């Protein structure tokens, strides 16, 4: 598996966690603590993926 594949897998996993948290989180406070960091991580990974793609072109 390439580095790109690993990064895509990581983004997908984090997105899945995000959706599960929104649907099943027992407390709003948990969402307020976890969601911003999770979204930031997804965004950073997506930026790396996009930059790597642009560099190859």
PDB file of N, CA and C in Angstrom:
ATOM      1  N   UNK A   1       0.844  -1.174   0.000  1.00  0.00           N
ATOM      2  CA  UNK A   1       0.000   0.000   0.000  1.00  0.00           C
ATOM      3  C   UNK A   1       0.894   1.244   0.000  1.00  0.00           C
ATOM      4  N   UNK A   2       0.584   2.182  -0.873  1.00  0.00           N
ATOM      5  CA  UNK A   2       1.399   3.393  -0.982  1.00  0.00           C
ATOM      6  C   UNK A   2       1.078   4.372   0.143  1.00  0.00           C
ATOM      7  N   UNK A   3       1.921   5.365   0.268  1.00  0.00           N
ATOM      8  CA  UNK A   3       1.689   6.413   1.271  1.00  0.00           C
ATOM      9  C   UNK A   3       0.369   7.128   0.998  1.00  0.00           C
ATOM     10  N   UNK A   4       0.084   7.345  -0.281  1.00  0.00           N
ATOM     11  CA  UNK A   4      -1.170   7.990  -0.683  1.00  0.00           C
ATOM     12  C   UNK A   4      -2.374   7.141  -0.265  1.00  0.00           C
ATOM     13  N   UNK A   5      -2.293   5.848  -0.492  1.00  0.00           N
ATOM     14  CA  UNK A   5      -3.375   4.938  -0.103  1.00  0.00           C
ATOM     15  C   UNK A   5      -3.594   4.955   1.409  1.00  0.00           C
ATOM     16  N   UNK A   6      -2.497   4.977   2.143  1.00  0.00           N
ATOM     17  CA  UNK A   6      -2.584   5.033   3.606  1.00  0.00           C
ATOM     18  C   UNK A   6      -3.267   6.324   4.069  1.00  0.00           C
ATOM     19  N   UNK A   7      -2.906   7.420   3.431  1.00  0.00           N
ATOM     20  CA  UNK A   7      -3.483   8.706   3.786  1.00  0.00           C
ATOM     21  C   UNK A   7      -4.982   8.724   3.480  1.00  0.00           C
ATOM     22  N   UNK A   8      -5.364   8.204   2.342  1.00  0.00           N
ATOM     23  CA  UNK A   8      -6.790   8.132   1.982  1.00  0.00           C
ATOM     24  C   UNK A   8      -7.543   7.258   2.978  1.00  0.00           C
ATOM     25  N   UNK A   9      -6.957   6.143   3.351  1.00  0.00           N
ATOM     26  CA  UNK A   9      -7.577   5.255   4.330  1.00  0.00           C
ATOM     27  C   UNK A   9      -7.754   5.969   5.670  1.00  0.00           C
ATOM     28  N   UNK A  10      -6.745   6.710   6.067  1.00  0.00           N
ATOM     29  CA  UNK A  10      -6.799   7.456   7.332  1.00  0.00           C
ATOM     30  C   UNK A  10      -7.905   8.519   7.289  1.00  0.00           C
ATOM     31  N   UNK A  11      -8.020   9.225   6.187  1.00  0.00           N
ATOM     32  CA  UNK A  11      -9.069  10.238   6.041  1.00  0.00           C
ATOM     33  C   UNK A  11     -10.438   9.579   6.123  1.00  0.00           C
ATOM     34  N   UNK A  12     -10.611   8.478   5.412  1.00  0.00           N
ATOM     35  CA  UNK A  12     -11.894   7.764   5.435  1.00  0.00           C
ATOM     36  C   UNK A  12     -12.241   7.302   6.845  1.00  0.00           C
ATOM     37  N   UNK A  13     -11.261   6.764   7.549  1.00  0.00           N
ATOM     38  CA  UNK A  13     -11.497   6.302   8.914  1.00  0.00           C
ATOM     39  C   UNK A  13     -11.910   7.456   9.828  1.00  0.00           C
ATOM     40  N   UNK A  14     -11.230   8.574   9.698  1.00  0.00           N
ATOM     41  CA  UNK A  14     -11.573   9.723  10.537  1.00  0.00           C
ATOM     42  C   UNK A  14     -12.960  10.265  10.196  1.00  0.00           C
ATOM     43  N   UNK A  15     -13.304  10.272   8.927  1.00  0.00           N
ATOM     44  CA  UNK A  15     -14.642  10.717   8.526  1.00  0.00           C
ATOM     45  C   UNK A  15     -15.715   9.784   9.093  1.00  0.00           C
ATOM     46  N   UNK A  16     -15.447   8.503   9.075  1.00  0.00           N
ATOM     47  CA  UNK A  16     -16.385   7.526   9.629  1.00  0.00           C
ATOM     48  C   UNK A  16     -16.551   7.749  11.135  1.00  0.00           C
ATOM     49  N   UNK A  17     -15.459   7.973  11.829  1.00  0.00           N
ATOM     50  CA  UNK A  17     -15.518   8.259  13.270  1.00  0.00           C
ATOM     51  C   UNK A  17     -16.333   9.523  13.513  1.00  0.00           C
ATOM     52  N   UNK A  18     -16.094  10.543  12.706  1.00  0.00           N
ATOM     53  CA  UNK A  18     -16.836  11.801  12.820  1.00  0.00           C
ATOM     54  C   UNK A  18     -18.335  11.548  12.713  1.00  0.00           C
ATOM     55  N   UNK A  19     -18.750  10.808  11.698  1.00  0.00           N
ATOM     56  CA  UNK A  19     -20.177  10.534  11.500  1.00  0.00           C
ATOM     57  C   UNK A  19     -20.760   9.697  12.635  1.00  0.00           C
ATOM     58  N   UNK A  20     -20.005   8.729  13.098  1.00  0.00           N
ATOM     59  CA  UNK A  20     -20.482   7.907  14.213  1.00  0.00           C
ATOM     60  C   UNK A  20     -20.623   8.725  15.494  1.00  0.00           C
ATOM     61  N   UNK A  21     -19.677   9.603  15.733  1.00  0.00           N
ATOM     62  CA  UNK A  21     -19.756  10.457  16.919  1.00  0.00           C
ATOM     63  C   UNK A  21     -20.995  11.346  16.878  1.00  0.00           C
ATOM     64  N   UNK A  22     -21.239  11.942  15.733  1.00  0.00           N
ATOM     65  CA  UNK A  22     -22.402  12.821  15.610  1.00  0.00           C
ATOM     66  C   UNK A  22     -23.692  12.034  15.839  1.00  0.00           C
ATOM     67  N   UNK A  23     -23.727  10.823  15.338  1.00  0.00           N
ATOM     68  CA  UNK A  23     -24.948  10.026  15.449  1.00  0.00           C
ATOM     69  C   UNK A  23     -25.144   9.423  16.835  1.00  0.00           C
ATOM     70  N   UNK A  24     -24.049   8.989  17.469  1.00  0.00           N
ATOM     71  CA  UNK A  24     -24.190   8.191  18.689  1.00  0.00           C
ATOM     72  C   UNK A  24     -23.554   8.772  19.947  1.00  0.00           C
ATOM     73  N   UNK A  25     -22.947   9.928  19.872  1.00  0.00           N
ATOM     74  CA  UNK A  25     -22.283  10.477  21.061  1.00  0.00           C
ATOM     75  C   UNK A  25     -23.281  10.642  22.206  1.00  0.00           C
ATOM     76  N   UNK A  26     -22.926  10.157  23.388  1.00  0.00           N
ATOM     77  CA  UNK A  26     -23.847  10.219  24.514  1.00  0.00           C
ATOM     78  C   UNK A  26     -24.004  11.632  25.104  1.00  0.00           C
ATOM     79  N   UNK A  27     -23.004  12.481  24.910  1.00  0.00           N
ATOM     80  CA  UNK A  27     -23.051  13.804  25.519  1.00  0.00           C
ATOM     81  C   UNK A  27     -22.581  14.860  24.521  1.00  0.00           C
ATOM     82  N   UNK A  28     -23.260  15.981  24.545  1.00  0.00           N
ATOM     83  CA  UNK A  28     -22.871  17.088  23.679  1.00  0.00           C
ATOM     84  C   UNK A  28     -21.453  17.547  24.016  1.00  0.00           C
ATOM     85  N   UNK A  29     -21.095  17.485  25.272  1.00  0.00           N
ATOM     86  CA  UNK A  29     -19.767  17.915  25.705  1.00  0.00           C
ATOM     87  C   UNK A  29     -18.673  17.083  25.017  1.00  0.00           C
ATOM     88  N   UNK A  30     -18.929  15.800  24.847  1.00  0.00           N
ATOM     89  CA  UNK A  30     -17.969  14.942  24.150  1.00  0.00           C
ATOM     90  C   UNK A  30     -17.759  15.439  22.723  1.00  0.00           C
ATOM     91  N   UNK A  31     -18.838  15.777  22.051  1.00  0.00           N
ATOM     92  CA  UNK A  31     -18.734  16.300  20.689  1.00  0.00           C
ATOM     93  C   UNK A  31     -17.936  17.594  20.655  1.00  0.00           C
ATOM     94  N   UNK A  32     -18.213  18.472  21.582  1.00  0.00           N
ATOM     95  CA  UNK A  32     -17.523  19.768  21.616  1.00  0.00           C
ATOM     96  C   UNK A  32     -16.025  19.610  21.874  1.00  0.00           C
ATOM     97  N   UNK A  33     -15.643  18.544  22.547  1.00  0.00           N
ATOM     98  CA  UNK A  33     -14.228  18.314  22.834  1.00  0.00           C
ATOM     99  C   UNK A  33     -13.520  17.628  21.664  1.00  0.00           C
ATOM    100  N   UNK A  34     -14.168  16.680  21.029  1.00  0.00           N
ATOM    101  CA  UNK A  34     -13.509  15.813  20.063  1.00  0.00           C
ATOM    102  C   UNK A  34     -13.639  16.301  18.622  1.00  0.00           C
ATOM    103  N   UNK A  35     -14.796  16.789  18.254  1.00  0.00           N
ATOM    104  CA  UNK A  35     -15.078  17.125  16.855  1.00  0.00           C
ATOM    105  C   UNK A  35     -14.104  18.162  16.279  1.00  0.00           C
ATOM    106  N   UNK A  36     -13.810  19.263  16.950  1.00  0.00           N
ATOM    107  CA  UNK A  36     -12.883  20.234  16.345  1.00  0.00           C
ATOM    108  C   UNK A  36     -11.512  19.635  15.995  1.00  0.00           C
ATOM    109  N   UNK A  37     -10.975  18.830  16.885  1.00  0.00           N
ATOM    110  CA  UNK A  37      -9.680  18.207  16.631  1.00  0.00           C
ATOM    111  C   UNK A  37      -9.774  17.208  15.483  1.00  0.00           C
ATOM    112  N   UNK A  38     -10.833  16.445  15.473  1.00  0.00           N
ATOM    113  CA  UNK A  38     -11.023  15.466  14.408  1.00  0.00           C
ATOM    114  C   UNK A  38     -11.160  16.154  13.052  1.00  0.00           C
ATOM    115  N   UNK A  39     -11.930  17.220  12.997  1.00  0.00           N
ATOM    116  CA  UNK A  39     -12.078  17.955  11.742  1.00  0.00           C
ATOM    117  C   UNK A  39     -10.759  18.593  11.303  1.00  0.00           C
ATOM    118  N   UNK A  40     -10.015  19.078  12.245  1.00  0.00           N
ATOM    119  CA  UNK A  40      -8.710  19.665  11.932  1.00  0.00           C
ATOM    120  C   UNK A  40      -7.771  18.602  11.342  1.00  0.00           C
ATOM    121  N   UNK A  41      -7.779  17.417  11.934  1.00  0.00           N
ATOM    122  CA  UNK A  41      -6.947  16.320  11.424  1.00  0.00           C
ATOM    123  C   UNK A  41      -7.365  15.909  10.014  1.00  0.00           C
ATOM    124  N   UNK A  42      -8.667  15.833   9.784  1.00  0.00           N
ATOM    125  CA  UNK A  42      -9.174  15.489   8.450  1.00  0.00           C
ATOM    126  C   UNK A  42      -8.734  16.553   7.450  1.00  0.00           C
ATOM    127  N   UNK A  43      -8.864  17.803   7.841  1.00  0.00           N
ATOM    128  CA  UNK A  43      -8.473  18.895   6.950  1.00  0.00           C
ATOM    129  C   UNK A  43      -6.974  18.838   6.628  1.00  0.00           C
ATOM    130  N   UNK A  44      -6.152  18.637   7.630  1.00  0.00           N
ATOM    131  CA  UNK A  44      -4.701  18.578   7.421  1.00  0.00           C
ATOM    132  C   UNK A  44      -4.320  17.413   6.510  1.00  0.00           C
ATOM    133  N   UNK A  45      -4.904  16.258   6.753  1.00  0.00           N
ATOM    134  CA  UNK A  45      -4.624  15.099   5.897  1.00  0.00           C
ATOM    135  C   UNK A  45      -5.064  15.364   4.466  1.00  0.00           C
ATOM    136  N   UNK A  46      -6.197  16.003   4.303  1.00  0.00           N
ATOM    137  CA  UNK A  46      -6.710  16.319   2.968  1.00  0.00           C
ATOM    138  C   UNK A  46      -5.790  17.300   2.251  1.00  0.00           C
ATOM    139  N   UNK A  47      -5.257  18.256   2.991  1.00  0.00           N
ATOM    140  CA  UNK A  47      -4.331  19.220   2.400  1.00  0.00           C
ATOM    141  C   UNK A  47      -3.057  18.520   1.921  1.00  0.00           C
ATOM    142  N   UNK A  48      -2.544  17.622   2.727  1.00  0.00           N
ATOM    143  CA  UNK A  48      -1.341  16.865   2.346  1.00  0.00           C
ATOM    144  C   UNK A  48      -1.626  16.050   1.093  1.00  0.00           C
ATOM    145  N   UNK A  49      -2.765  15.398   1.062  1.00  0.00           N
ATOM    146  CA  UNK A  49      -3.139  14.599  -0.098  1.00  0.00           C
ATOM    147  C   UNK A  49      -3.237  15.475  -1.346  1.00  0.00           C
ATOM    148  N   UNK A  50      -3.873  16.613  -1.219  1.00  0.00           N
ATOM    149  CA  UNK A  50      -4.037  17.519  -2.347  1.00  0.00           C
ATOM    150  C   UNK A  50      -2.677  18.060  -2.813  1.00  0.00           C
ATOM    151  N   UNK A  51      -1.842  18.471  -1.885  1.00  0.00           N
ATOM    152  CA  UNK A  51      -0.525  19.002  -2.246  1.00  0.00           C
ATOM    153  C   UNK A  51       0.334  17.943  -2.937  1.00  0.00           C
ATOM    154  N   UNK A  52       0.296  16.740  -2.425  1.00  0.00           N
ATOM    155  CA  UNK A  52       1.058  15.653  -3.043  1.00  0.00           C
ATOM    156  C   UNK A  52       0.553  15.383  -4.453  1.00  0.00           C
ATOM    157  N   UNK A  53      -0.723  15.454  -4.646  1.00  0.00           N
ATOM    158  CA  UNK A  53      -1.305  15.231  -5.966  1.00  0.00           C
ATOM    159  C   UNK A  53      -0.886  16.346  -6.928  1.00  0.00           C
ATOM    160  N   UNK A  54      -0.925  17.580  -6.459  1.00  0.00           N
ATOM    161  CA  UNK A  54      -0.577  18.724  -7.303  1.00  0.00           C
ATOM    162  C   UNK A  54       0.906  18.709  -7.681  1.00  0.00           C
ATOM    163  N   UNK A  55       1.752  18.260  -6.780  1.00  0.00           N
ATOM    164  CA  UNK A  55       3.188  18.209  -7.036  1.00  0.00           C
ATOM    165  C   UNK A  55       3.490  17.202  -8.145  1.00  0.00           C
ATOM    166  N   UNK A  56       2.757  16.111  -8.182  1.00  0.00           N
ATOM    167  CA  UNK A  56       3.003  15.066  -9.177  1.00  0.00           C
ATOM    168  C   UNK A  56       2.585  15.488 -10.575  1.00  0.00           C
ATOM    169  N   UNK A  57       1.660  16.417 -10.683  1.00  0.00           N
ATOM    170  CA  UNK A  57       1.172  16.837 -12.005  1.00  0.00           C
ATOM    171  C   UNK A  57       2.077  17.801 -12.683  1.00  0.00           C
TER     172      UNK A  57
END
